[in-house]
ModelCIF file with pLDDT and N, C-alpha, C, O atoms, coordinates in Angstrom:
data_MODEL
#
_entry.id   MODEL 
#
_entity.id                         1 
_entity.type                       polymer 
_entity.pdbx_number_of_molecules   1 
#
_entity_poly.entity_id                      1 
_entity_poly.type                           'polypeptide(L)' 
_entity_poly.nstd_linkage                   no 
_entity_poly.nstd_monomer                   no 
_entity_poly.pdbx_seq_one_letter_code       
;(UNK)(UNK)(UNK)(UNK)(UNK)(UNK)(UNK)(UNK)(UNK)(UNK)(UNK)(UNK)(UNK)(UNK)(UNK)(UNK)
(UNK)(UNK)(UNK)(UNK)(UNK)(UNK)(UNK)(UNK)(UNK)(UNK)(UNK)(UNK)(UNK)(UNK)(UNK)(UNK)
(UNK)(UNK)(UNK)(UNK)(UNK)(UNK)(UNK)(UNK)(UNK)(UNK)
;
_entity_poly.pdbx_seq_one_letter_code_can   XXXXXXXXXXXXXXXXXXXXXXXXXXXXXXXXXXXXXXXXXX 
_entity_poly.pdbx_strand_id                 A 
#
loop_
_entity_poly_seq.entity_id 
_entity_poly_seq.num 
_entity_poly_seq.mon_id 
_entity_poly_seq.hetero 
1 1  UNK n 
1 2  UNK n 
1 3  UNK n 
1 4  UNK n 
1 5  UNK n 
1 6  UNK n 
1 7  UNK n 
1 8  UNK n 
1 9  UNK n 
1 10 UNK n 
1 11 UNK n 
1 12 UNK n 
1 13 UNK n 
1 14 UNK n 
1 15 UNK n 
1 16 UNK n 
1 17 UNK n 
1 18 UNK n 
1 19 UNK n 
1 20 UNK n 
1 21 UNK n 
1 22 UNK n 
1 23 UNK n 
1 24 UNK n 
1 25 UNK n 
1 26 UNK n 
1 27 UNK n 
1 28 UNK n 
1 29 UNK n 
1 30 UNK n 
1 31 UNK n 
1 32 UNK n 
1 33 UNK n 
1 34 UNK n 
1 35 UNK n 
1 36 UNK n 
1 37 UNK n 
1 38 UNK n 
1 39 UNK n 
1 40 UNK n 
1 41 UNK n 
1 42 UNK n 
#
_struct_asym.id          A 
_struct_asym.entity_id   1 
#
loop_
_ma_qa_metric.id 
_ma_qa_metric.mode 
_ma_qa_metric.name 
_ma_qa_metric.software_group_id 
_ma_qa_metric.type 
1 global pLDDT . pLDDT 
2 local  pLDDT . pLDDT 
#
_ma_qa_metric_global.metric_id      1 
_ma_qa_metric_global.metric_value   80.48 
_ma_qa_metric_global.model_id       1 
_ma_qa_metric_global.ordinal_id     1 
#
loop_
_ma_qa_metric_local.label_asym_id 
_ma_qa_metric_local.label_comp_id 
_ma_qa_metric_local.label_seq_id 
_ma_qa_metric_local.metric_id 
_ma_qa_metric_local.metric_value 
_ma_qa_metric_local.model_id 
_ma_qa_metric_local.ordinal_id 
A UNK 1  2 82.00 1 1  
A UNK 2  2 83.00 1 2  
A UNK 3  2 84.00 1 3  
A UNK 4  2 84.00 1 4  
A UNK 5  2 84.00 1 5  
A UNK 6  2 85.00 1 6  
A UNK 7  2 87.00 1 7  
A UNK 8  2 85.00 1 8  
A UNK 9  2 83.00 1 9  
A UNK 10 2 80.00 1 10 
A UNK 11 2 76.00 1 11 
A UNK 12 2 75.00 1 12 
A UNK 13 2 78.00 1 13 
A UNK 14 2 80.00 1 14 
A UNK 15 2 78.00 1 15 
A UNK 16 2 73.00 1 16 
A UNK 17 2 74.00 1 17 
A UNK 18 2 78.00 1 18 
A UNK 19 2 80.00 1 19 
A UNK 20 2 79.00 1 20 
A UNK 21 2 80.00 1 21 
A UNK 22 2 83.00 1 22 
A UNK 23 2 83.00 1 23 
A UNK 24 2 83.00 1 24 
A UNK 25 2 86.00 1 25 
A UNK 26 2 85.00 1 26 
A UNK 27 2 87.00 1 27 
A UNK 28 2 88.00 1 28 
A UNK 29 2 86.00 1 29 
A UNK 30 2 86.00 1 30 
A UNK 31 2 88.00 1 31 
A UNK 32 2 88.00 1 32 
A UNK 33 2 85.00 1 33 
A UNK 34 2 84.00 1 34 
A UNK 35 2 85.00 1 35 
A UNK 36 2 83.00 1 36 
A UNK 37 2 82.00 1 37 
A UNK 38 2 79.00 1 38 
A UNK 39 2 75.00 1 39 
A UNK 40 2 69.00 1 40 
A UNK 41 2 57.00 1 41 
A UNK 42 2 50.00 1 42 
#
loop_
_atom_site.group_PDB 
_atom_site.id 
_atom_site.type_symbol 
_atom_site.label_atom_id 
_atom_site.label_alt_id 
_atom_site.label_comp_id 
_atom_site.label_asym_id 
_atom_site.label_entity_id 
_atom_site.label_seq_id 
_atom_site.pdbx_PDB_ins_code 
_atom_site.Cartn_x 
_atom_site.Cartn_y 
_atom_site.Cartn_z 
_atom_site.occupancy 
_atom_site.B_iso_or_equiv 
_atom_site.pdbx_formal_charge 
_atom_site.auth_seq_id 
_atom_site.auth_comp_id 
_atom_site.auth_asym_id 
_atom_site.auth_atom_id 
_atom_site.pdbx_PDB_model_num 
ATOM 1   N N  . UNK A 1 1  ? 1.049   -1.212 0.065   1.00 82.00 ? 1  UNK A N  1 
ATOM 2   C CA . UNK A 1 1  ? -0.291  0.133  -0.001  1.00 82.00 ? 1  UNK A CA 1 
ATOM 3   C C  . UNK A 1 1  ? 0.817   1.259  -0.080  1.00 82.00 ? 1  UNK A C  1 
ATOM 4   O O  . UNK A 1 1  ? 1.915   1.183  0.472   1.00 82.00 ? 1  UNK A O  1 
ATOM 5   N N  . UNK A 1 2  ? 0.332   2.391  -0.904  1.00 83.00 ? 2  UNK A N  1 
ATOM 6   C CA . UNK A 1 2  ? 0.982   3.462  -0.673  1.00 83.00 ? 2  UNK A CA 1 
ATOM 7   C C  . UNK A 1 2  ? 0.167   4.323  -0.140  1.00 83.00 ? 2  UNK A C  1 
ATOM 8   O O  . UNK A 1 2  ? -1.026  4.329  -0.442  1.00 83.00 ? 2  UNK A O  1 
ATOM 9   N N  . UNK A 1 3  ? 0.741   5.247  0.805   1.00 84.00 ? 3  UNK A N  1 
ATOM 10  C CA . UNK A 1 3  ? -0.262  6.117  1.518   1.00 84.00 ? 3  UNK A CA 1 
ATOM 11  C C  . UNK A 1 3  ? -0.415  7.593  0.702   1.00 84.00 ? 3  UNK A C  1 
ATOM 12  O O  . UNK A 1 3  ? 0.486   8.209  0.131   1.00 84.00 ? 3  UNK A O  1 
ATOM 13  N N  . UNK A 1 4  ? -1.626  7.908  0.808   1.00 84.00 ? 4  UNK A N  1 
ATOM 14  C CA . UNK A 1 4  ? -2.243  9.219  0.067   1.00 84.00 ? 4  UNK A CA 1 
ATOM 15  C C  . UNK A 1 4  ? -1.380  10.322 0.631   1.00 84.00 ? 4  UNK A C  1 
ATOM 16  O O  . UNK A 1 4  ? -1.153  10.437 1.835   1.00 84.00 ? 4  UNK A O  1 
ATOM 17  N N  . UNK A 1 5  ? -0.759  11.390 -0.608  1.00 84.00 ? 5  UNK A N  1 
ATOM 18  C CA . UNK A 1 5  ? 0.178   12.300 0.099   1.00 84.00 ? 5  UNK A CA 1 
ATOM 19  C C  . UNK A 1 5  ? -0.633  13.546 0.582   1.00 84.00 ? 5  UNK A C  1 
ATOM 20  O O  . UNK A 1 5  ? -0.073  14.561 0.998   1.00 84.00 ? 5  UNK A O  1 
ATOM 21  N N  . UNK A 1 6  ? -2.089  13.392 0.495   1.00 85.00 ? 6  UNK A N  1 
ATOM 22  C CA . UNK A 1 6  ? -2.938  14.563 1.233   1.00 85.00 ? 6  UNK A CA 1 
ATOM 23  C C  . UNK A 1 6  ? -3.497  13.896 2.911   1.00 85.00 ? 6  UNK A C  1 
ATOM 24  O O  . UNK A 1 6  ? -3.541  14.473 3.998   1.00 85.00 ? 6  UNK A O  1 
ATOM 25  N N  . UNK A 1 7  ? -3.745  12.937 2.655   1.00 87.00 ? 7  UNK A N  1 
ATOM 26  C CA . UNK A 1 7  ? -4.428  12.659 4.175   1.00 87.00 ? 7  UNK A CA 1 
ATOM 27  C C  . UNK A 1 7  ? -3.496  11.467 4.857   1.00 87.00 ? 7  UNK A C  1 
ATOM 28  O O  . UNK A 1 7  ? -3.538  11.289 6.074   1.00 87.00 ? 7  UNK A O  1 
ATOM 29  N N  . UNK A 1 8  ? -2.900  10.898 4.248   1.00 85.00 ? 8  UNK A N  1 
ATOM 30  C CA . UNK A 1 8  ? -2.112  9.640  4.605   1.00 85.00 ? 8  UNK A CA 1 
ATOM 31  C C  . UNK A 1 8  ? -2.606  8.381  4.868   1.00 85.00 ? 8  UNK A C  1 
ATOM 32  O O  . UNK A 1 8  ? -1.912  7.501  5.377   1.00 85.00 ? 8  UNK A O  1 
ATOM 33  N N  . UNK A 1 9  ? -3.647  8.252  4.583   1.00 83.00 ? 9  UNK A N  1 
ATOM 34  C CA . UNK A 1 9  ? -4.279  7.042  4.472   1.00 83.00 ? 9  UNK A CA 1 
ATOM 35  C C  . UNK A 1 9  ? -3.825  5.821  3.497   1.00 83.00 ? 9  UNK A C  1 
ATOM 36  O O  . UNK A 1 9  ? -3.777  6.076  2.294   1.00 83.00 ? 9  UNK A O  1 
ATOM 37  N N  . UNK A 1 10 ? -3.544  4.723  3.867   1.00 80.00 ? 10 UNK A N  1 
ATOM 38  C CA . UNK A 1 10 ? -2.769  3.623  2.992   1.00 80.00 ? 10 UNK A CA 1 
ATOM 39  C C  . UNK A 1 10 ? -3.917  3.161  2.075   1.00 80.00 ? 10 UNK A C  1 
ATOM 40  O O  . UNK A 1 10 ? -3.479  2.649  1.044   1.00 80.00 ? 10 UNK A O  1 
ATOM 41  N N  . UNK A 1 11 ? -5.576  3.202  2.172   1.00 76.00 ? 11 UNK A N  1 
ATOM 42  C CA . UNK A 1 11 ? -6.323  2.707  1.602   1.00 76.00 ? 11 UNK A CA 1 
ATOM 43  C C  . UNK A 1 11 ? -6.783  3.573  0.549   1.00 76.00 ? 11 UNK A C  1 
ATOM 44  O O  . UNK A 1 11 ? -6.093  4.426  -0.009  1.00 76.00 ? 11 UNK A O  1 
ATOM 45  N N  . UNK A 1 12 ? -8.181  3.263  0.272   1.00 75.00 ? 12 UNK A N  1 
ATOM 46  C CA . UNK A 1 12 ? -9.167  4.260  -0.552  1.00 75.00 ? 12 UNK A CA 1 
ATOM 47  C C  . UNK A 1 12 ? -9.428  5.569  0.206   1.00 75.00 ? 12 UNK A C  1 
ATOM 48  O O  . UNK A 1 12 ? -9.448  5.493  1.434   1.00 75.00 ? 12 UNK A O  1 
ATOM 49  N N  . UNK A 1 13 ? -9.598  6.575  -0.287  1.00 78.00 ? 13 UNK A N  1 
ATOM 50  C CA . UNK A 1 13 ? -9.899  7.686  0.383   1.00 78.00 ? 13 UNK A CA 1 
ATOM 51  C C  . UNK A 1 13 ? -10.570 9.055  -0.633  1.00 78.00 ? 13 UNK A C  1 
ATOM 52  O O  . UNK A 1 13 ? -10.421 9.057  -1.855  1.00 78.00 ? 13 UNK A O  1 
ATOM 53  N N  . UNK A 1 14 ? -11.037 9.758  -0.159  1.00 80.00 ? 14 UNK A N  1 
ATOM 54  C CA . UNK A 1 14 ? -11.870 10.709 -1.099  1.00 80.00 ? 14 UNK A CA 1 
ATOM 55  C C  . UNK A 1 14 ? -10.866 11.878 -1.675  1.00 80.00 ? 14 UNK A C  1 
ATOM 56  O O  . UNK A 1 14 ? -11.364 12.826 -2.282  1.00 80.00 ? 14 UNK A O  1 
ATOM 57  N N  . UNK A 1 15 ? -9.531  11.802 -1.488  1.00 78.00 ? 15 UNK A N  1 
ATOM 58  C CA . UNK A 1 15 ? -8.558  12.585 -1.873  1.00 78.00 ? 15 UNK A CA 1 
ATOM 59  C C  . UNK A 1 15 ? -8.497  12.733 -3.346  1.00 78.00 ? 15 UNK A C  1 
ATOM 60  O O  . UNK A 1 15 ? -8.311  13.866 -3.789  1.00 78.00 ? 15 UNK A O  1 
ATOM 61  N N  . UNK A 1 16 ? -8.618  11.819 -4.094  1.00 73.00 ? 16 UNK A N  1 
ATOM 62  C CA . UNK A 1 16 ? -8.387  11.612 -5.551  1.00 73.00 ? 16 UNK A CA 1 
ATOM 63  C C  . UNK A 1 16 ? -6.795  12.050 -5.528  1.00 73.00 ? 16 UNK A C  1 
ATOM 64  O O  . UNK A 1 16 ? -6.569  12.667 -6.569  1.00 73.00 ? 16 UNK A O  1 
ATOM 65  N N  . UNK A 1 17 ? -5.916  11.972 -4.917  1.00 74.00 ? 17 UNK A N  1 
ATOM 66  C CA . UNK A 1 17 ? -4.558  12.447 -5.047  1.00 74.00 ? 17 UNK A CA 1 
ATOM 67  C C  . UNK A 1 17 ? -3.886  11.551 -5.592  1.00 74.00 ? 17 UNK A C  1 
ATOM 68  O O  . UNK A 1 17 ? -4.187  10.376 -5.383  1.00 74.00 ? 17 UNK A O  1 
ATOM 69  N N  . UNK A 1 18 ? -2.846  11.877 -6.397  1.00 78.00 ? 18 UNK A N  1 
ATOM 70  C CA . UNK A 1 18 ? -2.107  10.924 -7.295  1.00 78.00 ? 18 UNK A CA 1 
ATOM 71  C C  . UNK A 1 18 ? -0.861  10.339 -6.545  1.00 78.00 ? 18 UNK A C  1 
ATOM 72  O O  . UNK A 1 18 ? 0.041   11.089 -6.173  1.00 78.00 ? 18 UNK A O  1 
ATOM 73  N N  . UNK A 1 19 ? -0.837  9.337  -6.386  1.00 80.00 ? 19 UNK A N  1 
ATOM 74  C CA . UNK A 1 19 ? -0.077  8.187  -5.681  1.00 80.00 ? 19 UNK A CA 1 
ATOM 75  C C  . UNK A 1 19 ? 1.246   7.746  -6.415  1.00 80.00 ? 19 UNK A C  1 
ATOM 76  O O  . UNK A 1 19 ? 2.171   7.230  -5.787  1.00 80.00 ? 19 UNK A O  1 
ATOM 77  N N  . UNK A 1 20 ? 1.302   8.003  -7.943  1.00 79.00 ? 20 UNK A N  1 
ATOM 78  C CA . UNK A 1 20 ? 2.232   7.688  -8.508  1.00 79.00 ? 20 UNK A CA 1 
ATOM 79  C C  . UNK A 1 20 ? 3.521   7.679  -8.182  1.00 79.00 ? 20 UNK A C  1 
ATOM 80  O O  . UNK A 1 20 ? 4.255   6.693  -8.259  1.00 79.00 ? 20 UNK A O  1 
ATOM 81  N N  . UNK A 1 21 ? 3.911   9.057  -7.713  1.00 80.00 ? 21 UNK A N  1 
ATOM 82  C CA . UNK A 1 21 ? 5.355   9.437  -7.254  1.00 80.00 ? 21 UNK A CA 1 
ATOM 83  C C  . UNK A 1 21 ? 5.916   8.496  -5.978  1.00 80.00 ? 21 UNK A C  1 
ATOM 84  O O  . UNK A 1 21 ? 7.074   8.097  -5.861  1.00 80.00 ? 21 UNK A O  1 
ATOM 85  N N  . UNK A 1 22 ? 4.933   8.271  -5.159  1.00 83.00 ? 22 UNK A N  1 
ATOM 86  C CA . UNK A 1 22 ? 5.195   7.274  -3.922  1.00 83.00 ? 22 UNK A CA 1 
ATOM 87  C C  . UNK A 1 22 ? 5.490   5.806  -4.684  1.00 83.00 ? 22 UNK A C  1 
ATOM 88  O O  . UNK A 1 22 ? 6.452   5.078  -4.441  1.00 83.00 ? 22 UNK A O  1 
ATOM 89  N N  . UNK A 1 23 ? 4.639   5.599  -5.470  1.00 83.00 ? 23 UNK A N  1 
ATOM 90  C CA . UNK A 1 23 ? 4.533   4.294  -5.897  1.00 83.00 ? 23 UNK A CA 1 
ATOM 91  C C  . UNK A 1 23 ? 5.961   3.828  -6.500  1.00 83.00 ? 23 UNK A C  1 
ATOM 92  O O  . UNK A 1 23 ? 6.583   2.795  -6.254  1.00 83.00 ? 23 UNK A O  1 
ATOM 93  N N  . UNK A 1 24 ? 6.279   4.848  -7.324  1.00 83.00 ? 24 UNK A N  1 
ATOM 94  C CA . UNK A 1 24 ? 7.777   4.874  -8.325  1.00 83.00 ? 24 UNK A CA 1 
ATOM 95  C C  . UNK A 1 24 ? 8.753   4.699  -7.051  1.00 83.00 ? 24 UNK A C  1 
ATOM 96  O O  . UNK A 1 24 ? 9.542   3.754  -7.060  1.00 83.00 ? 24 UNK A O  1 
ATOM 97  N N  . UNK A 1 25 ? 8.720   5.543  -6.011  1.00 86.00 ? 25 UNK A N  1 
ATOM 98  C CA . UNK A 1 25 ? 9.768   5.420  -5.040  1.00 86.00 ? 25 UNK A CA 1 
ATOM 99  C C  . UNK A 1 25 ? 9.915   4.218  -4.372  1.00 86.00 ? 25 UNK A C  1 
ATOM 100 O O  . UNK A 1 25 ? 10.998  3.809  -3.954  1.00 86.00 ? 25 UNK A O  1 
ATOM 101 N N  . UNK A 1 26 ? 8.606   3.500  -4.231  1.00 85.00 ? 26 UNK A N  1 
ATOM 102 C CA . UNK A 1 26 ? 8.888   2.533  -3.373  1.00 85.00 ? 26 UNK A CA 1 
ATOM 103 C C  . UNK A 1 26 ? 9.325   1.207  -4.328  1.00 85.00 ? 26 UNK A C  1 
ATOM 104 O O  . UNK A 1 26 ? 10.014  0.331  -3.805  1.00 85.00 ? 26 UNK A O  1 
ATOM 105 N N  . UNK A 1 27 ? 8.998   1.108  -5.431  1.00 87.00 ? 27 UNK A N  1 
ATOM 106 C CA . UNK A 1 27 ? 9.538   0.054  -6.470  1.00 87.00 ? 27 UNK A CA 1 
ATOM 107 C C  . UNK A 1 27 ? 11.100  0.492  -6.808  1.00 87.00 ? 27 UNK A C  1 
ATOM 108 O O  . UNK A 1 27 ? 12.025  -0.281 -7.056  1.00 87.00 ? 27 UNK A O  1 
ATOM 109 N N  . UNK A 1 28 ? 11.144  1.797  -6.757  1.00 88.00 ? 28 UNK A N  1 
ATOM 110 C CA . UNK A 1 28 ? 12.918  2.155  -6.944  1.00 88.00 ? 28 UNK A CA 1 
ATOM 111 C C  . UNK A 1 28 ? 13.564  1.689  -5.864  1.00 88.00 ? 28 UNK A C  1 
ATOM 112 O O  . UNK A 1 28 ? 14.668  1.162  -5.997  1.00 88.00 ? 28 UNK A O  1 
ATOM 113 N N  . UNK A 1 29 ? 12.915  1.831  -4.538  1.00 86.00 ? 29 UNK A N  1 
ATOM 114 C CA . UNK A 1 29 ? 13.710  1.245  -3.466  1.00 86.00 ? 29 UNK A CA 1 
ATOM 115 C C  . UNK A 1 29 ? 13.839  -0.081 -3.452  1.00 86.00 ? 29 UNK A C  1 
ATOM 116 O O  . UNK A 1 29 ? 14.911  -0.580 -3.110  1.00 86.00 ? 29 UNK A O  1 
ATOM 117 N N  . UNK A 1 30 ? 12.993  -0.689 -3.743  1.00 86.00 ? 30 UNK A N  1 
ATOM 118 C CA . UNK A 1 30 ? 12.987  -2.185 -3.891  1.00 86.00 ? 30 UNK A CA 1 
ATOM 119 C C  . UNK A 1 30 ? 14.093  -2.907 -4.693  1.00 86.00 ? 30 UNK A C  1 
ATOM 120 O O  . UNK A 1 30 ? 14.827  -3.809 -4.290  1.00 86.00 ? 30 UNK A O  1 
ATOM 121 N N  . UNK A 1 31 ? 14.053  -2.188 -6.203  1.00 88.00 ? 31 UNK A N  1 
ATOM 122 C CA . UNK A 1 31 ? 14.757  -2.585 -7.103  1.00 88.00 ? 31 UNK A CA 1 
ATOM 123 C C  . UNK A 1 31 ? 16.403  -2.379 -6.419  1.00 88.00 ? 31 UNK A C  1 
ATOM 124 O O  . UNK A 1 31 ? 17.138  -3.356 -6.278  1.00 88.00 ? 31 UNK A O  1 
ATOM 125 N N  . UNK A 1 32 ? 16.846  -0.929 -6.019  1.00 88.00 ? 32 UNK A N  1 
ATOM 126 C CA . UNK A 1 32 ? 18.115  -0.716 -5.619  1.00 88.00 ? 32 UNK A CA 1 
ATOM 127 C C  . UNK A 1 32 ? 18.330  -1.486 -4.524  1.00 88.00 ? 32 UNK A C  1 
ATOM 128 O O  . UNK A 1 32 ? 19.514  -1.818 -4.472  1.00 88.00 ? 32 UNK A O  1 
ATOM 129 N N  . UNK A 1 33 ? 17.612  -1.952 -3.535  1.00 85.00 ? 33 UNK A N  1 
ATOM 130 C CA . UNK A 1 33 ? 17.974  -2.967 -2.437  1.00 85.00 ? 33 UNK A CA 1 
ATOM 131 C C  . UNK A 1 33 ? 18.510  -4.207 -3.375  1.00 85.00 ? 33 UNK A C  1 
ATOM 132 O O  . UNK A 1 33 ? 19.706  -4.495 -3.425  1.00 85.00 ? 33 UNK A O  1 
ATOM 133 N N  . UNK A 1 34 ? 17.573  -4.858 -4.058  1.00 84.00 ? 34 UNK A N  1 
ATOM 134 C CA . UNK A 1 34 ? 17.877  -5.970 -4.774  1.00 84.00 ? 34 UNK A CA 1 
ATOM 135 C C  . UNK A 1 34 ? 19.195  -5.860 -5.525  1.00 84.00 ? 34 UNK A C  1 
ATOM 136 O O  . UNK A 1 34 ? 19.940  -6.840 -5.504  1.00 84.00 ? 34 UNK A O  1 
ATOM 137 N N  . UNK A 1 35 ? 19.555  -4.776 -6.181  1.00 85.00 ? 35 UNK A N  1 
ATOM 138 C CA . UNK A 1 35 ? 20.756  -4.562 -6.680  1.00 85.00 ? 35 UNK A CA 1 
ATOM 139 C C  . UNK A 1 35 ? 22.000  -4.387 -5.867  1.00 85.00 ? 35 UNK A C  1 
ATOM 140 O O  . UNK A 1 35 ? 23.105  -4.671 -6.331  1.00 85.00 ? 35 UNK A O  1 
ATOM 141 N N  . UNK A 1 36 ? 21.808  -3.869 -4.523  1.00 83.00 ? 36 UNK A N  1 
ATOM 142 C CA . UNK A 1 36 ? 22.746  -3.847 -3.697  1.00 83.00 ? 36 UNK A CA 1 
ATOM 143 C C  . UNK A 1 36 ? 23.211  -5.151 -2.896  1.00 83.00 ? 36 UNK A C  1 
ATOM 144 O O  . UNK A 1 36 ? 24.324  -5.349 -2.409  1.00 83.00 ? 36 UNK A O  1 
ATOM 145 N N  . UNK A 1 37 ? 22.036  -6.040 -2.873  1.00 82.00 ? 37 UNK A N  1 
ATOM 146 C CA . UNK A 1 37 ? 22.250  -7.415 -2.519  1.00 82.00 ? 37 UNK A CA 1 
ATOM 147 C C  . UNK A 1 37 ? 22.867  -8.406 -3.631  1.00 82.00 ? 37 UNK A C  1 
ATOM 148 O O  . UNK A 1 37 ? 23.302  -9.480 -3.216  1.00 82.00 ? 37 UNK A O  1 
ATOM 149 N N  . UNK A 1 38 ? 22.926  -8.182 -4.752  1.00 79.00 ? 38 UNK A N  1 
ATOM 150 C CA . UNK A 1 38 ? 23.268  -9.034 -5.673  1.00 79.00 ? 38 UNK A CA 1 
ATOM 151 C C  . UNK A 1 38 ? 24.960  -8.442 -6.212  1.00 79.00 ? 38 UNK A C  1 
ATOM 152 O O  . UNK A 1 38 ? 25.792  -9.093 -6.844  1.00 79.00 ? 38 UNK A O  1 
ATOM 153 N N  . UNK A 1 39 ? 25.066  -7.083 -5.732  1.00 75.00 ? 39 UNK A N  1 
ATOM 154 C CA . UNK A 1 39 ? 26.456  -6.660 -6.164  1.00 75.00 ? 39 UNK A CA 1 
ATOM 155 C C  . UNK A 1 39 ? 26.375  -5.824 -7.403  1.00 75.00 ? 39 UNK A C  1 
ATOM 156 O O  . UNK A 1 39 ? 27.390  -5.244 -7.789  1.00 75.00 ? 39 UNK A O  1 
ATOM 157 N N  . UNK A 1 40 ? 25.182  -5.711 -8.092  1.00 69.00 ? 40 UNK A N  1 
ATOM 158 C CA . UNK A 1 40 ? 24.986  -5.372 -9.560  1.00 69.00 ? 40 UNK A CA 1 
ATOM 159 C C  . UNK A 1 40 ? 25.416  -3.834 -9.340  1.00 69.00 ? 40 UNK A C  1 
ATOM 160 O O  . UNK A 1 40 ? 25.947  -3.216 -10.262 1.00 69.00 ? 40 UNK A O  1 
ATOM 161 N N  . UNK A 1 41 ? 25.223  -3.368 -8.361  1.00 57.00 ? 41 UNK A N  1 
ATOM 162 C CA . UNK A 1 41 ? 25.362  -1.635 -8.474  1.00 57.00 ? 41 UNK A CA 1 
ATOM 163 C C  . UNK A 1 41 ? 27.066  -1.382 -8.354  1.00 57.00 ? 41 UNK A C  1 
ATOM 164 O O  . UNK A 1 41 ? 27.516  -0.242 -8.462  1.00 57.00 ? 41 UNK A O  1 
ATOM 165 N N  . UNK A 1 42 ? 27.736  -2.272 -8.179  1.00 50.00 ? 42 UNK A N  1 
ATOM 166 C CA . UNK A 1 42 ? 29.258  -1.795 -8.158  1.00 50.00 ? 42 UNK A CA 1 
ATOM 167 C C  . UNK A 1 42 ? 29.970  -1.895 -9.384  1.00 50.00 ? 42 UNK A C  1 
ATOM 168 O O  . UNK A 1 42 ? 31.149  -1.546 -9.444  1.00 50.00 ? 42 UNK A O  1 
#
């Protein structure tokens, strides 16, 4: 779940805020952690 940038709820809310940037950051963090574990970033 990605928290709403306006109200902070992890689920559905009425803000209709775009959670795209938070989703990208979440996926990017997971990929970078994977690359660090496998040594692919060096």
